[in-house]
Amino acid sequence: MKKWTRWQDWTVVAAGAYAALSVLWTRQEGSSTAIMVILGVLLVIGGAVNLAMPGMPAAEWGQAIVAAALLLAPWVGNFTSATGAAWSAWIPGGVALVVTALAIKPSTEEYRHHHVASTH
């Protein structure tokens, strides 16, 4: 896997940036601003790490957990009635979760290939 080339990780970076920045143009409720910014920034960081160092399944799984948290955030953070904020969590969270799921298997195979090859 080449660094900085996986479309899945670029998609996660974009989804995280959208979630974090959406607080600027959507109506927020309660802790939704903090939740959206924190989880969005964590997705951007996770995507950037996976772009810079492909083949790290643990980073992919961490990214999947953050994406799932963003997807569930409107219910957990009790801001489903702020529909702009809720949809700005659901859509990027769902997109990030799906593309991360698509990236886990290739990342695991890359990891195994390099670690098995280095032990022989």
Protein backbone atom coordinates (compact mmCIF):
# COMPACT_ATOMS: atom_id res chain seq x y z
CA MET A 1 0.00 0.00 0.00
CA LYS A 2 1.30 3.42 -0.90
CA LYS A 3 1.11 6.30 1.53
CA TRP A 4 -1.41 9.08 0.93
CA THR A 5 -3.30 7.24 -1.82
CA ARG A 6 -6.19 5.32 -0.26
CA TRP A 7 -9.54 6.85 -1.18
CA GLN A 8 -11.14 5.34 1.93
CA ASP A 9 -8.90 7.34 4.25
CA TRP A 10 -9.37 10.56 2.27
CA THR A 11 -13.14 9.99 2.56
CA VAL A 12 -12.83 9.62 6.33
CA VAL A 13 -10.78 12.83 6.54
CA ALA A 14 -13.48 14.67 4.55
CA ALA A 15 -16.29 13.19 6.66
CA GLY A 16 -14.53 14.18 9.88
CA ALA A 17 -13.86 17.69 8.62
CA TYR A 18 -17.49 18.07 7.59
CA ALA A 19 -18.73 16.89 10.99
CA ALA A 20 -16.38 19.19 12.90
CA LEU A 21 -17.09 22.23 10.74
CA SER A 22 -20.84 21.67 10.44
CA VAL A 23 -21.30 23.30 13.84
CA LEU A 24 -20.72 26.60 12.04
CA TRP A 25 -23.89 26.32 9.89
CA THR A 26 -26.24 24.02 11.81
CA ARG A 27 -28.36 24.66 14.90
CA GLN A 28 -26.77 22.96 17.89
CA GLU A 29 -28.30 21.73 21.14
CA GLY A 30 -26.72 20.92 24.47
CA SER A 31 -23.36 19.25 24.09
CA SER A 32 -23.72 18.65 20.34
CA THR A 33 -21.08 21.25 19.45
CA ALA A 34 -18.40 19.65 21.60
CA ILE A 35 -19.33 16.13 20.53
CA MET A 36 -19.33 16.99 16.82
CA VAL A 37 -16.03 18.89 16.95
CA ILE A 38 -14.22 16.29 19.05
CA LEU A 39 -15.38 13.26 17.06
CA GLY A 40 -14.89 15.06 13.74
CA VAL A 41 -11.33 16.03 14.64
CA LEU A 42 -10.62 12.47 15.82
CA LEU A 43 -11.80 11.15 12.44
CA VAL A 44 -9.54 13.62 10.63
CA ILE A 45 -6.60 12.50 12.77
CA GLY A 46 -7.43 8.82 12.28
CA GLY A 47 -7.73 9.25 8.53
CA ALA A 48 -4.44 11.15 8.38
CA VAL A 49 -2.66 8.47 10.43
CA ASN A 50 -3.99 5.76 8.13
CA LEU A 51 -2.94 7.76 5.08
CA ALA A 52 0.58 8.29 6.43
CA MET A 53 1.04 4.75 7.76
CA PRO A 54 -1.14 2.30 5.82
CA GLY A 55 -1.34 -1.28 6.96
CA MET A 56 -2.12 -0.65 10.64
CA PRO A 57 -5.30 -2.61 11.45
CA ALA A 58 -5.43 -1.24 15.00
CA ALA A 59 -5.68 2.30 13.64
CA GLU A 60 -8.47 1.20 11.30
CA TRP A 61 -10.40 -0.36 14.17
CA GLY A 62 -9.93 2.78 16.28
CA GLN A 63 -11.22 4.83 13.38
CA ALA A 64 -14.24 2.53 13.10
CA ILE A 65 -15.02 3.06 16.79
CA VAL A 66 -14.89 6.85 16.40
CA ALA A 67 -17.08 6.65 13.27
CA ALA A 68 -19.63 4.51 15.16
CA ALA A 69 -19.55 6.98 18.04
CA LEU A 70 -20.30 9.83 15.62
CA LEU A 71 -23.13 7.83 14.10
CA LEU A 72 -24.65 7.22 17.54
CA ALA A 73 -23.87 10.71 18.90
CA PRO A 74 -27.28 12.31 18.28
CA TRP A 75 -28.98 9.69 20.44
CA VAL A 76 -26.27 9.51 23.10
CA GLY A 77 -25.82 13.28 23.23
CA ASN A 78 -29.60 13.84 23.07
CA PHE A 79 -29.59 16.20 20.08
CA THR A 80 -31.80 14.32 17.62
CA SER A 81 -34.30 17.21 17.66
CA ALA A 82 -31.61 19.53 16.24
CA THR A 83 -32.05 17.93 12.84
CA GLY A 84 -29.20 19.82 11.14
CA ALA A 85 -26.71 18.73 13.77
CA ALA A 86 -28.13 15.20 13.93
CA TRP A 87 -27.91 14.64 10.16
CA SER A 88 -24.44 16.20 10.21
CA ALA A 89 -23.45 13.41 12.58
CA TRP A 90 -25.40 10.52 11.07
CA ILE A 91 -24.26 10.96 7.47
CA PRO A 92 -20.51 11.51 8.04
CA GLY A 93 -20.50 8.87 10.79
CA GLY A 94 -22.19 6.32 8.53
CA VAL A 95 -19.97 7.14 5.56
CA ALA A 96 -16.81 6.92 7.68
CA LEU A 97 -17.95 3.61 9.21
CA VAL A 98 -18.69 2.03 5.82
CA VAL A 99 -15.44 3.11 4.15
CA THR A 100 -13.41 2.12 7.21
CA ALA A 101 -15.04 -1.31 7.12
CA LEU A 102 -13.97 -1.58 3.47
CA ALA A 103 -10.39 -0.65 4.43
CA ILE A 104 -9.93 -3.05 7.37
CA LYS A 105 -9.37 -6.22 5.34
CA PRO A 106 -6.73 -4.74 2.96
CA SER A 107 -5.01 -3.12 5.93
CA THR A 108 -4.92 -6.43 7.81
CA GLU A 109 -3.56 -8.25 4.75
CA GLU A 110 -0.85 -5.61 4.32
CA TYR A 111 0.08 -5.91 7.99
CA ARG A 112 0.31 -9.69 7.81
CA HIS A 113 2.29 -9.57 4.57
CA HIS A 114 4.95 -7.29 6.05
CA HIS A 115 5.15 -8.96 9.45
CA VAL A 116 5.14 -12.54 8.17
CA ALA A 117 7.67 -11.63 5.46
CA SER A 118 9.97 -9.98 7.99
CA THR A 119 10.07 -13.08 10.24
CA HIS A 120 11.31 -15.38 7.47
